[in-house]
Amino acid sequence: MAELDLLVLGDANPDLVVRGGDVTPVFGQVERLVDEARLTLGGSGAIASCAAVRLGLRTAFVGVVGDDVFGRFMLETLRERGIDVSRCPVDPNRPTGVTIVLSRGDDRANLTATGTIADLRGELVDPVLFSEARHVHVSSYFLQTRLRSDLPALLREAREAGASTSVDPGWDPTEEWDGGLLALLPLVDVFLPNSTEARLITGIDDIDVAAQALAEPGPLVAVKFGAGGGMIVRGSDVVRAPALGVDVIDTTGAGDTFAAGFLAGYLAGWPVERSLSLATVCGSLSTRAAGGTDAQPTMQEAQAAMGSLVGKAAPP
């Protein structure tokens, strides 16, 4: 039996979440007052890892942090939440990345100093982990600039060891929307873009057609629609599920929690319809508090919420 359900390769950096009032900055030394600024655990990979543990998955995270206050905050917080970070590289010469999140509840803007976010590379990943994990998840593909060229070999190694694989692309700051991603898709079992990312990666505005194009090389494609729920495309099959209605405080990390929810159902052998419902519920529930992790649900809480969606129409 594998020692880990999930191995996450990706980014870990604090989020400084600023919310309440008018969070849109104005130059000219204009000062605006906001309700709250909170330092929280951030990074797509770190947030997805936290969500996975909340859902009962045995999870390890590998990402580079610096030997500084932010790096220690990240490792200590992940460890406290039950995530194995024993094989995270610590770089004494580089600063840990940090993101300032300007949150308006249902939308947000991010300012990121990358620091060590992009420093993970294949040689820093202990190959023993692939034989210990049932599934390998890669977060923030477009931010992982040093990891990209190593991913084909890493994902092949993971598959040869018996693990399934997934990739969450995230936003591409260069807005080029490839970087080898399309060529990687035949090695990916589950691809997890949001609807905007899927359209930009393919250059196809119709999301159904875009998702079908992404599924053609082989992966199951799970598209995040935020408040619109989600969609699964597998071959010619399409499944949709609604989001759960909640009072939204902050959408930070909702997509990462959606990804963890889907993977939890996928690894449990659930039908894709049920896995998608779990994903949309998890993403929705995670928006009830500031930051990406404080409102992530347990499996019991998520399954109870799934019951309230029975009979509700999926988004068109």
C-alpha atoms as a PDB file:
ATOM      1  CA  MET A   1       0.000   0.000   0.000  1.00  0.00           C
ATOM      2  CA  ALA A   2       1.295   3.470  -0.922  1.00  0.00           C
ATOM      3  CA  GLU A   3       2.366   5.615   1.998  1.00  0.00           C
ATOM      4  CA  LEU A   4       0.930   8.772   0.411  1.00  0.00           C
ATOM      5  CA  ASP A   5      -2.302   9.470  -1.409  1.00  0.00           C
ATOM      6  CA  LEU A   6      -1.060  12.719  -2.907  1.00  0.00           C
ATOM      7  CA  LEU A   7       2.306  14.268  -3.726  1.00  0.00           C
ATOM      8  CA  VAL A   8       2.101  17.954  -4.673  1.00  0.00           C
ATOM      9  CA  LEU A   9       4.926  19.607  -6.621  1.00  0.00           C
ATOM     10  CA  GLY A  10       4.644  23.357  -6.768  1.00  0.00           C
ATOM     11  CA  ASP A  11       4.525  26.707  -5.068  1.00  0.00           C
ATOM     12  CA  ALA A  12       4.407  27.752  -1.418  1.00  0.00           C
ATOM     13  CA  ASN A  13       4.387  31.404  -0.461  1.00  0.00           C
ATOM     14  CA  PRO A  14       2.487  33.550   2.021  1.00  0.00           C
ATOM     15  CA  ASP A  15      -0.487  35.608   0.890  1.00  0.00           C
ATOM     16  CA  LEU A  16      -1.007  39.020   2.430  1.00  0.00           C
ATOM     17  CA  VAL A  17      -4.764  39.305   1.943  1.00  0.00           C
ATOM     18  CA  VAL A  18      -6.093  42.868   1.984  1.00  0.00           C
ATOM     19  CA  ARG A  19      -9.886  43.165   2.083  1.00  0.00           C
ATOM     20  CA  GLY A  20     -12.779  45.418   3.005  1.00  0.00           C
ATOM     21  CA  GLY A  21     -13.340  48.982   1.831  1.00  0.00           C
ATOM     22  CA  ASP A  22     -11.933  50.127  -1.502  1.00  0.00           C
ATOM     23  CA  VAL A  23      -8.879  47.924  -2.116  1.00  0.00           C
ATOM     24  CA  THR A  24      -8.083  49.452  -5.514  1.00  0.00           C
ATOM     25  CA  PRO A  25      -4.804  51.359  -5.094  1.00  0.00           C
ATOM     26  CA  VAL A  26      -4.363  54.880  -6.453  1.00  0.00           C
ATOM     27  CA  PHE A  27      -0.961  56.352  -7.233  1.00  0.00           C
ATOM     28  CA  GLY A  28      -0.020  59.906  -6.297  1.00  0.00           C
ATOM     29  CA  GLN A  29       0.562  58.947  -2.640  1.00  0.00           C
ATOM     30  CA  VAL A  30      -3.174  58.487  -2.083  1.00  0.00           C
ATOM     31  CA  GLU A  31      -3.850  56.517   1.103  1.00  0.00           C
ATOM     32  CA  ARG A  32      -6.961  54.397   1.417  1.00  0.00           C
ATOM     33  CA  LEU A  33      -8.160  52.545   4.484  1.00  0.00           C
ATOM     34  CA  VAL A  34      -9.191  48.886   4.380  1.00  0.00           C
ATOM     35  CA  ASP A  35     -10.818  46.658   6.968  1.00  0.00           C
ATOM     36  CA  GLU A  36      -8.211  43.926   7.235  1.00  0.00           C
ATOM     37  CA  ALA A  37      -4.751  42.752   6.193  1.00  0.00           C
ATOM     38  CA  ARG A  38      -3.958  39.147   7.104  1.00  0.00           C
ATOM     39  CA  LEU A  39      -0.889  37.017   6.443  1.00  0.00           C
ATOM     40  CA  THR A  40      -2.106  33.588   5.376  1.00  0.00           C
ATOM     41  CA  LEU A  41      -0.741  30.424   3.835  1.00  0.00           C
ATOM     42  CA  GLY A  42      -0.608  30.809   0.065  1.00  0.00           C
ATOM     43  CA  GLY A  43       0.569  29.332  -3.198  1.00  0.00           C
ATOM     44  CA  SER A  44      -1.613  27.075  -5.328  1.00  0.00           C
ATOM     45  CA  GLY A  45       0.271  23.913  -4.352  1.00  0.00           C
ATOM     46  CA  ALA A  46       0.283  24.697  -0.643  1.00  0.00           C
ATOM     47  CA  ILE A  47      -3.420  25.572  -0.612  1.00  0.00           C
ATOM     48  CA  ALA A  48      -4.351  22.430  -2.547  1.00  0.00           C
ATOM     49  CA  SER A  49      -2.269  20.364  -0.097  1.00  0.00           C
ATOM     50  CA  CYS A  50      -4.149  21.823   2.866  1.00  0.00           C
ATOM     51  CA  ALA A  51      -7.491  21.112   1.212  1.00  0.00           C
ATOM     52  CA  ALA A  52      -6.449  17.529   0.487  1.00  0.00           C
ATOM     53  CA  VAL A  53      -5.502  16.867   4.110  1.00  0.00           C
ATOM     54  CA  ARG A  54      -8.820  18.316   5.287  1.00  0.00           C
ATOM     55  CA  LEU A  55     -10.516  15.775   3.006  1.00  0.00           C
ATOM     56  CA  GLY A  56      -8.524  12.908   4.501  1.00  0.00           C
ATOM     57  CA  LEU A  57      -5.748  12.450   1.930  1.00  0.00           C
ATOM     58  CA  ARG A  58      -2.243  11.605   3.148  1.00  0.00           C
ATOM     59  CA  THR A  59      -0.314  14.405   1.496  1.00  0.00           C
ATOM     60  CA  ALA A  60       3.297  15.471   0.949  1.00  0.00           C
ATOM     61  CA  PHE A  61       4.331  18.788  -0.539  1.00  0.00           C
ATOM     62  CA  VAL A  62       7.599  19.625  -2.314  1.00  0.00           C
ATOM     63  CA  GLY A  63       8.394  23.227  -3.173  1.00  0.00           C
ATOM     64  CA  VAL A  64      11.309  25.580  -2.598  1.00  0.00           C
ATOM     65  CA  VAL A  65      11.261  28.201   0.155  1.00  0.00           C
ATOM     66  CA  GLY A  66      13.934  30.563   1.413  1.00  0.00           C
ATOM     67  CA  ASP A  67      15.639  30.479   4.791  1.00  0.00           C
ATOM     68  CA  ASP A  68      13.697  33.499   6.015  1.00  0.00           C
ATOM     69  CA  VAL A  69      10.628  34.495   8.029  1.00  0.00           C
ATOM     70  CA  PHE A  70       8.215  33.749   5.174  1.00  0.00           C
ATOM     71  CA  GLY A  71       9.813  30.372   4.435  1.00  0.00           C
ATOM     72  CA  ARG A  72       9.680  29.297   8.068  1.00  0.00           C
ATOM     73  CA  PHE A  73       6.065  30.487   8.289  1.00  0.00           C
ATOM     74  CA  MET A  74       5.133  28.347   5.304  1.00  0.00           C
ATOM     75  CA  LEU A  75       6.870  25.159   6.451  1.00  0.00           C
ATOM     76  CA  GLU A  76       5.619  25.464  10.032  1.00  0.00           C
ATOM     77  CA  THR A  77       2.041  26.141   8.925  1.00  0.00           C
ATOM     78  CA  LEU A  78       2.002  23.264   6.435  1.00  0.00           C
ATOM     79  CA  ARG A  79       3.490  20.917   9.030  1.00  0.00           C
ATOM     80  CA  GLU A  80       0.898  21.977  11.630  1.00  0.00           C
ATOM     81  CA  ARG A  81      -1.840  21.101   9.137  1.00  0.00           C
ATOM     82  CA  GLY A  82      -0.561  17.551   8.748  1.00  0.00           C
ATOM     83  CA  ILE A  83       1.354  17.848   5.483  1.00  0.00           C
ATOM     84  CA  ASP A  84       4.709  16.111   5.039  1.00  0.00           C
ATOM     85  CA  VAL A  85       7.213  18.849   4.136  1.00  0.00           C
ATOM     86  CA  SER A  86      10.300  16.877   5.160  1.00  0.00           C
ATOM     87  CA  ARG A  87      11.661  16.911   1.613  1.00  0.00           C
ATOM     88  CA  CYS A  88      11.085  20.587   0.832  1.00  0.00           C
ATOM     89  CA  PRO A  89      14.317  22.273  -0.307  1.00  0.00           C
ATOM     90  CA  VAL A  90      15.302  25.405   1.640  1.00  0.00           C
ATOM     91  CA  ASP A  91      17.506  27.861  -0.271  1.00  0.00           C
ATOM     92  CA  PRO A  92      19.612  30.054   2.050  1.00  0.00           C
ATOM     93  CA  ASN A  93      20.436  32.470  -0.762  1.00  0.00           C
ATOM     94  CA  ARG A  94      16.974  33.259  -2.139  1.00  0.00           C
ATOM     95  CA  PRO A  95      13.899  34.943  -0.602  1.00  0.00           C
ATOM     96  CA  THR A  96      10.600  33.125  -0.282  1.00  0.00           C
ATOM     97  CA  GLY A  97       7.981  34.451  -2.692  1.00  0.00           C
ATOM     98  CA  VAL A  98       5.040  36.483  -1.445  1.00  0.00           C
ATOM     99  CA  THR A  99       1.700  37.553  -2.936  1.00  0.00           C
ATOM    100  CA  ILE A 100      -0.358  40.604  -2.015  1.00  0.00           C
ATOM    101  CA  VAL A 101      -4.016  39.751  -2.618  1.00  0.00           C
ATOM    102  CA  LEU A 102      -6.406  42.685  -3.060  1.00  0.00           C
ATOM    103  CA  SER A 103      -9.727  40.984  -2.358  1.00  0.00           C
ATOM    104  CA  ARG A 104     -13.154  42.378  -3.206  1.00  0.00           C
ATOM    105  CA  GLY A 105     -15.049  39.239  -2.168  1.00  0.00           C
ATOM    106  CA  ASP A 106     -16.142  37.819  -5.504  1.00  0.00           C
ATOM    107  CA  ASP A 107     -12.982  38.938  -7.318  1.00  0.00           C
ATOM    108  CA  ARG A 108      -9.366  39.738  -6.543  1.00  0.00           C
ATOM    109  CA  ALA A 109      -6.108  41.092  -7.950  1.00  0.00           C
ATOM    110  CA  ASN A 110      -2.698  39.604  -7.119  1.00  0.00           C
ATOM    111  CA  LEU A 111       0.749  41.172  -6.934  1.00  0.00           C
ATOM    112  CA  THR A 112       3.474  38.525  -6.623  1.00  0.00           C
ATOM    113  CA  ALA A 113       7.189  38.754  -5.901  1.00  0.00           C
ATOM    114  CA  THR A 114       8.238  35.329  -7.181  1.00  0.00           C
ATOM    115  CA  GLY A 115      11.320  34.707  -5.027  1.00  0.00           C
ATOM    116  CA  THR A 116      11.692  30.923  -4.736  1.00  0.00           C
ATOM    117  CA  ILE A 117       8.264  30.181  -6.273  1.00  0.00           C
ATOM    118  CA  ALA A 118       9.859  29.303  -9.620  1.00  0.00           C
ATOM    119  CA  ASP A 119      12.946  27.546  -8.222  1.00  0.00           C
ATOM    120  CA  LEU A 120      11.730  23.953  -8.009  1.00  0.00           C
ATOM    121  CA  ARG A 121      13.426  21.645 -10.531  1.00  0.00           C
ATOM    122  CA  GLY A 122      13.566  17.933 -11.128  1.00  0.00           C
ATOM    123  CA  GLU A 123      16.831  17.259  -9.322  1.00  0.00           C
ATOM    124  CA  LEU A 124      15.301  18.618  -6.098  1.00  0.00           C
ATOM    125  CA  VAL A 125      12.470  16.058  -6.091  1.00  0.00           C
ATOM    126  CA  ASP A 126      13.336  12.857  -4.225  1.00  0.00           C
ATOM    127  CA  PRO A 127      12.534  10.051  -6.736  1.00  0.00           C
ATOM    128  CA  VAL A 128      11.566   7.760  -3.847  1.00  0.00           C
ATOM    129  CA  LEU A 129       8.425   9.872  -3.468  1.00  0.00           C
ATOM    130  CA  PHE A 130       7.027   8.553  -6.753  1.00  0.00           C
ATOM    131  CA  SER A 131       6.952   5.024  -5.406  1.00  0.00           C
ATOM    132  CA  GLU A 132       5.300   6.250  -2.193  1.00  0.00           C
ATOM    133  CA  ALA A 133       2.446   8.241  -3.770  1.00  0.00           C
ATOM    134  CA  ARG A 134      -0.781   7.178  -5.478  1.00  0.00           C
ATOM    135  CA  HIS A 135      -1.066  10.489  -7.327  1.00  0.00           C
ATOM    136  CA  VAL A 136       1.287  13.349  -8.320  1.00  0.00           C
ATOM    137  CA  HIS A 137      -0.185  16.837  -8.716  1.00  0.00           C
ATOM    138  CA  VAL A 138       1.676  19.778 -10.286  1.00  0.00           C
ATOM    139  CA  SER A 139       0.443  23.247  -9.359  1.00  0.00           C
ATOM    140  CA  SER A 140       0.968  26.630 -11.033  1.00  0.00           C
ATOM    141  CA  TYR A 141       2.520  25.232 -14.195  1.00  0.00           C
ATOM    142  CA  PHE A 142       3.180  28.658 -15.686  1.00  0.00           C
ATOM    143  CA  LEU A 143       4.959  29.920 -12.571  1.00  0.00           C
ATOM    144  CA  GLN A 144       7.167  26.816 -12.364  1.00  0.00           C
ATOM    145  CA  THR A 145       9.573  28.007 -15.027  1.00  0.00           C
ATOM    146  CA  ARG A 146      12.552  25.912 -13.868  1.00  0.00           C
ATOM    147  CA  LEU A 147      10.455  22.777 -13.433  1.00  0.00           C
ATOM    148  CA  ARG A 148       8.761  22.772 -16.847  1.00  0.00           C
ATOM    149  CA  SER A 149      11.524  21.135 -18.867  1.00  0.00           C
ATOM    150  CA  ASP A 150      11.851  18.383 -16.242  1.00  0.00           C
ATOM    151  CA  LEU A 151       8.139  17.587 -16.029  1.00  0.00           C
ATOM    152  CA  PRO A 152       7.908  15.118 -18.946  1.00  0.00           C
ATOM    153  CA  ALA A 153      10.541  12.880 -17.314  1.00  0.00           C
ATOM    154  CA  LEU A 154       9.050  13.355 -13.828  1.00  0.00           C
ATOM    155  CA  LEU A 155       5.505  12.496 -14.922  1.00  0.00           C
ATOM    156  CA  ARG A 156       6.721   9.465 -16.868  1.00  0.00           C
ATOM    157  CA  GLU A 157       8.587   8.317 -13.767  1.00  0.00           C
ATOM    158  CA  ALA A 158       5.488   8.820 -11.650  1.00  0.00           C
ATOM    159  CA  ARG A 159       3.342   6.811 -14.049  1.00  0.00           C
ATOM    160  CA  GLU A 160       5.912   4.031 -14.283  1.00  0.00           C
ATOM    161  CA  ALA A 161       5.794   3.838 -10.475  1.00  0.00           C
ATOM    162  CA  GLY A 162       2.008   3.397 -10.649  1.00  0.00           C
ATOM    163  CA  ALA A 163       0.883   6.937  -9.798  1.00  0.00           C
ATOM    164  CA  SER A 164      -1.697   8.949 -11.680  1.00  0.00           C
ATOM    165  CA  THR A 165      -0.946  12.587 -12.525  1.00  0.00           C
ATOM    166  CA  SER A 166      -2.595  15.991 -12.693  1.00  0.00           C
ATOM    167  CA  VAL A 167      -1.670  19.568 -13.603  1.00  0.00           C
ATOM    168  CA  ASP A 168      -3.274  22.862 -12.586  1.00  0.00           C
ATOM    169  CA  PRO A 169      -1.952  25.491 -15.027  1.00  0.00           C
ATOM    170  CA  GLY A 170      -2.786  28.705 -13.174  1.00  0.00           C
ATOM    171  CA  TRP A 171      -2.354  32.113 -14.768  1.00  0.00           C
ATOM    172  CA  ASP A 172       0.478  32.727 -17.217  1.00  0.00           C
ATOM    173  CA  PRO A 173       2.108  36.083 -16.299  1.00  0.00           C
ATOM    174  CA  THR A 174       3.752  36.207 -19.745  1.00  0.00           C
ATOM    175  CA  GLU A 175       0.347  35.587 -21.395  1.00  0.00           C
ATOM    176  CA  GLU A 176       1.984  33.297 -23.957  1.00  0.00           C
ATOM    177  CA  TRP A 177      -0.085  30.306 -22.750  1.00  0.00           C
ATOM    178  CA  ASP A 178       2.048  27.343 -23.746  1.00  0.00           C
ATOM    179  CA  GLY A 179       5.597  26.889 -22.452  1.00  0.00           C
ATOM    180  CA  GLY A 180       5.444  23.185 -23.336  1.00  0.00           C
ATOM    181  CA  LEU A 181       2.091  22.587 -21.638  1.00  0.00           C
ATOM    182  CA  LEU A 182       0.218  21.252 -24.654  1.00  0.00           C
ATOM    183  CA  ALA A 183       2.985  18.740 -25.369  1.00  0.00           C
ATOM    184  CA  LEU A 184       2.789  17.588 -21.737  1.00  0.00           C
ATOM    185  CA  LEU A 185      -0.932  16.741 -21.799  1.00  0.00           C
ATOM    186  CA  PRO A 186      -0.522  13.104 -23.011  1.00  0.00           C
ATOM    187  CA  LEU A 187       1.277  12.432 -19.703  1.00  0.00           C
ATOM    188  CA  VAL A 188      -1.496  14.041 -17.624  1.00  0.00           C
ATOM    189  CA  ASP A 189      -4.472  12.068 -16.289  1.00  0.00           C
ATOM    190  CA  VAL A 190      -6.407  15.070 -14.938  1.00  0.00           C
ATOM    191  CA  PHE A 191      -6.063  18.635 -16.232  1.00  0.00           C
ATOM    192  CA  LEU A 192      -7.583  21.365 -14.039  1.00  0.00           C
ATOM    193  CA  PRO A 193      -7.813  24.801 -15.708  1.00  0.00           C
ATOM    194  CA  ASN A 194     -10.396  27.437 -14.990  1.00  0.00           C
ATOM    195  CA  SER A 195     -12.567  28.519 -17.911  1.00  0.00           C
ATOM    196  CA  THR A 196     -10.454  31.575 -18.744  1.00  0.00           C
ATOM    197  CA  GLU A 197      -7.230  29.565 -18.707  1.00  0.00           C
ATOM    198  CA  ALA A 198      -8.738  26.850 -20.904  1.00  0.00           C
ATOM    199  CA  ARG A 199      -9.794  29.393 -23.531  1.00  0.00           C
ATOM    200  CA  LEU A 200      -6.452  31.200 -23.514  1.00  0.00           C
ATOM    201  CA  ILE A 201      -4.384  27.995 -23.677  1.00  0.00           C
ATOM    202  CA  THR A 202      -6.306  26.750 -26.703  1.00  0.00           C
ATOM    203  CA  GLY A 203      -7.099  30.079 -28.351  1.00  0.00           C
ATOM    204  CA  ILE A 204     -10.732  28.899 -28.580  1.00  0.00           C
ATOM    205  CA  ASP A 205     -13.420  31.175 -27.124  1.00  0.00           C
ATOM    206  CA  ASP A 206     -16.159  28.516 -26.856  1.00  0.00           C
ATOM    207  CA  ILE A 207     -15.389  26.782 -23.540  1.00  0.00           C
ATOM    208  CA  ASP A 208     -17.001  23.489 -24.562  1.00  0.00           C
ATOM    209  CA  VAL A 209     -14.883  23.328 -27.721  1.00  0.00           C
ATOM    210  CA  ALA A 210     -11.784  24.468 -25.810  1.00  0.00           C
ATOM    211  CA  ALA A 211     -12.238  21.764 -23.183  1.00  0.00           C
ATOM    212  CA  GLN A 212     -12.744  19.116 -25.863  1.00  0.00           C
ATOM    213  CA  ALA A 213      -9.494  20.230 -27.534  1.00  0.00           C
ATOM    214  CA  LEU A 214      -7.621  19.899 -24.231  1.00  0.00           C
ATOM    215  CA  ALA A 215      -9.114  16.438 -23.679  1.00  0.00           C
ATOM    216  CA  GLU A 216      -8.056  15.131 -27.104  1.00  0.00           C
ATOM    217  CA  PRO A 217      -4.468  14.251 -26.041  1.00  0.00           C
ATOM    218  CA  GLY A 218      -5.897  12.045 -23.294  1.00  0.00           C
ATOM    219  CA  PRO A 219      -6.500  13.810 -19.975  1.00  0.00           C
ATOM    220  CA  LEU A 220      -9.791  14.109 -18.194  1.00  0.00           C
ATOM    221  CA  VAL A 221     -10.395  17.876 -18.173  1.00  0.00           C
ATOM    222  CA  ALA A 222     -12.021  19.430 -15.098  1.00  0.00           C
ATOM    223  CA  VAL A 223     -12.926  23.068 -15.774  1.00  0.00           C
ATOM    224  CA  LYS A 224     -13.565  25.512 -12.916  1.00  0.00           C
ATOM    225  CA  PHE A 225     -16.280  28.132 -13.406  1.00  0.00           C
ATOM    226  CA  GLY A 226     -16.137  29.752  -9.966  1.00  0.00           C
ATOM    227  CA  ALA A 227     -19.678  30.721  -9.006  1.00  0.00           C
ATOM    228  CA  GLY A 228     -20.828  28.849 -12.117  1.00  0.00           C
ATOM    229  CA  GLY A 229     -19.707  25.467 -10.766  1.00  0.00           C
ATOM    230  CA  GLY A 230     -17.647  23.159 -12.940  1.00  0.00           C
ATOM    231  CA  MET A 231     -17.527  20.882 -15.958  1.00  0.00           C
ATOM    232  CA  ILE A 232     -15.850  17.586 -16.782  1.00  0.00           C
ATOM    233  CA  VAL A 233     -14.884  16.601 -20.317  1.00  0.00           C
ATOM    234  CA  ARG A 234     -13.664  13.048 -20.878  1.00  0.00           C
ATOM    235  CA  GLY A 235     -13.521  12.043 -24.509  1.00  0.00           C
ATOM    236  CA  SER A 236     -16.917  12.999 -25.911  1.00  0.00           C
ATOM    237  CA  ASP A 237     -18.643  12.902 -22.517  1.00  0.00           C
ATOM    238  CA  VAL A 238     -19.514  16.192 -20.776  1.00  0.00           C
ATOM    239  CA  VAL A 239     -20.694  16.512 -17.158  1.00  0.00           C
ATOM    240  CA  ARG A 240     -21.635  19.757 -15.378  1.00  0.00           C
ATOM    241  CA  ALA A 241     -22.275  20.570 -11.726  1.00  0.00           C
ATOM    242  CA  PRO A 242     -23.480  23.744 -10.001  1.00  0.00           C
ATOM    243  CA  ALA A 243     -21.641  25.622  -7.291  1.00  0.00           C
ATOM    244  CA  LEU A 244     -22.969  25.788  -3.744  1.00  0.00           C
ATOM    245  CA  GLY A 245     -24.605  29.063  -2.733  1.00  0.00           C
ATOM    246  CA  VAL A 246     -22.597  30.670   0.097  1.00  0.00           C
ATOM    247  CA  ASP A 247     -21.900  34.151   1.430  1.00  0.00           C
ATOM    248  CA  VAL A 248     -18.568  34.850  -0.256  1.00  0.00           C
ATOM    249  CA  ILE A 249     -15.871  36.528   1.827  1.00  0.00           C
ATOM    250  CA  ASP A 250     -12.781  35.805  -0.283  1.00  0.00           C
ATOM    251  CA  THR A 251     -12.277  33.659  -3.400  1.00  0.00           C
ATOM    252  CA  THR A 252      -8.526  33.171  -2.807  1.00  0.00           C
ATOM    253  CA  GLY A 253      -7.654  29.489  -3.230  1.00  0.00           C
ATOM    254  CA  ALA A 254     -11.137  28.385  -4.302  1.00  0.00           C
ATOM    255  CA  GLY A 255      -9.798  26.847  -7.505  1.00  0.00           C
ATOM    256  CA  ASP A 256      -7.074  24.979  -5.615  1.00  0.00           C
ATOM    257  CA  THR A 257      -9.660  23.634  -3.173  1.00  0.00           C
ATOM    258  CA  PHE A 258     -11.839  22.595  -6.147  1.00  0.00           C
ATOM    259  CA  ALA A 259      -8.816  20.693  -7.511  1.00  0.00           C
ATOM    260  CA  ALA A 260      -8.217  18.914  -4.197  1.00  0.00           C
ATOM    261  CA  GLY A 261     -11.897  18.018  -3.966  1.00  0.00           C
ATOM    262  CA  PHE A 262     -11.938  16.513  -7.428  1.00  0.00           C
ATOM    263  CA  LEU A 263      -8.751  14.542  -6.782  1.00  0.00           C
ATOM    264  CA  ALA A 264     -10.164  13.221  -3.497  1.00  0.00           C
ATOM    265  CA  GLY A 265     -13.157  11.797  -5.346  1.00  0.00           C
ATOM    266  CA  TYR A 266     -10.999  10.578  -8.232  1.00  0.00           C
ATOM    267  CA  LEU A 267      -8.650   8.707  -5.894  1.00  0.00           C
ATOM    268  CA  ALA A 268     -11.614   7.223  -4.025  1.00  0.00           C
ATOM    269  CA  GLY A 269     -12.827   5.719  -7.313  1.00  0.00           C
ATOM    270  CA  TRP A 270     -16.014   7.794  -7.375  1.00  0.00           C
ATOM    271  CA  PRO A 271     -17.924   8.383 -10.632  1.00  0.00           C
ATOM    272  CA  VAL A 272     -16.859  11.637 -12.302  1.00  0.00           C
ATOM    273  CA  GLU A 273     -20.267  13.197 -11.595  1.00  0.00           C
ATOM    274  CA  ARG A 274     -19.855  12.716  -7.858  1.00  0.00           C
ATOM    275  CA  SER A 275     -16.199  13.803  -7.916  1.00  0.00           C
ATOM    276  CA  LEU A 276     -17.180  16.989  -9.748  1.00  0.00           C
ATOM    277  CA  SER A 277     -19.930  17.701  -7.239  1.00  0.00           C
ATOM    278  CA  LEU A 278     -17.419  17.290  -4.408  1.00  0.00           C
ATOM    279  CA  ALA A 279     -15.048  19.668  -6.207  1.00  0.00           C
ATOM    280  CA  THR A 280     -17.613  22.431  -6.704  1.00  0.00           C
ATOM    281  CA  VAL A 281     -18.836  22.150  -3.111  1.00  0.00           C
ATOM    282  CA  CYS A 282     -15.286  22.277  -1.730  1.00  0.00           C
ATOM    283  CA  GLY A 283     -14.438  25.308  -3.849  1.00  0.00           C
ATOM    284  CA  SER A 284     -17.611  27.081  -2.774  1.00  0.00           C
ATOM    285  CA  LEU A 285     -17.196  26.389   0.944  1.00  0.00           C
ATOM    286  CA  SER A 286     -13.599  27.618   0.890  1.00  0.00           C
ATOM    287  CA  THR A 287     -14.751  31.177   0.101  1.00  0.00           C
ATOM    288  CA  ARG A 288     -16.428  31.673   3.491  1.00  0.00           C
ATOM    289  CA  ALA A 289     -13.314  33.169   5.150  1.00  0.00           C
ATOM    290  CA  ALA A 290     -10.382  35.387   4.207  1.00  0.00           C
ATOM    291  CA  GLY A 291      -7.405  33.521   2.813  1.00  0.00           C
ATOM    292  CA  GLY A 292      -7.292  30.277   0.935  1.00  0.00           C
ATOM    293  CA  THR A 293      -7.386  27.676   3.716  1.00  0.00           C
ATOM    294  CA  ASP A 294      -9.334  28.732   6.809  1.00  0.00           C
ATOM    295  CA  ALA A 295     -12.751  27.676   5.476  1.00  0.00           C
ATOM    296  CA  GLN A 296     -11.738  24.517   3.613  1.00  0.00           C
ATOM    297  CA  PRO A 297     -14.224  21.745   4.465  1.00  0.00           C
ATOM    298  CA  THR A 298     -13.729  18.291   5.880  1.00  0.00           C
ATOM    299  CA  MET A 299     -15.044  15.367   3.859  1.00  0.00           C
ATOM    300  CA  GLN A 300     -17.996  15.029   6.238  1.00  0.00           C
ATOM    301  CA  GLU A 301     -18.918  18.690   5.820  1.00  0.00           C
ATOM    302  CA  ALA A 302     -18.502  18.557   2.047  1.00  0.00           C
ATOM    303  CA  GLN A 303     -20.625  15.438   1.661  1.00  0.00           C
ATOM    304  CA  ALA A 304     -23.377  16.983   3.780  1.00  0.00           C
ATOM    305  CA  ALA A 305     -23.350  20.026   1.495  1.00  0.00           C
ATOM    306  CA  MET A 306     -23.403  17.804  -1.594  1.00  0.00           C
ATOM    307  CA  GLY A 307     -26.754  16.483  -0.414  1.00  0.00           C
ATOM    308  CA  SER A 308     -28.231  19.976  -0.690  1.00  0.00           C
ATOM    309  CA  LEU A 309     -27.345  20.108  -4.404  1.00  0.00           C
ATOM    310  CA  VAL A 310     -29.294  16.993  -5.336  1.00  0.00           C
ATOM    311  CA  GLY A 311     -31.853  17.904  -7.984  1.00  0.00           C
ATOM    312  CA  LYS A 312     -30.422  21.363  -8.660  1.00  0.00           C
ATOM    313  CA  ALA A 313     -29.706  22.276 -12.258  1.00  0.00           C
ATOM    314  CA  ALA A 314     -26.123  22.416 -13.441  1.00  0.00           C
ATOM    315  CA  PRO A 315     -24.945  25.577 -15.218  1.00  0.00           C
ATOM    316  CA  PRO A 316     -25.624  25.703 -18.957  1.00  0.00           C
END
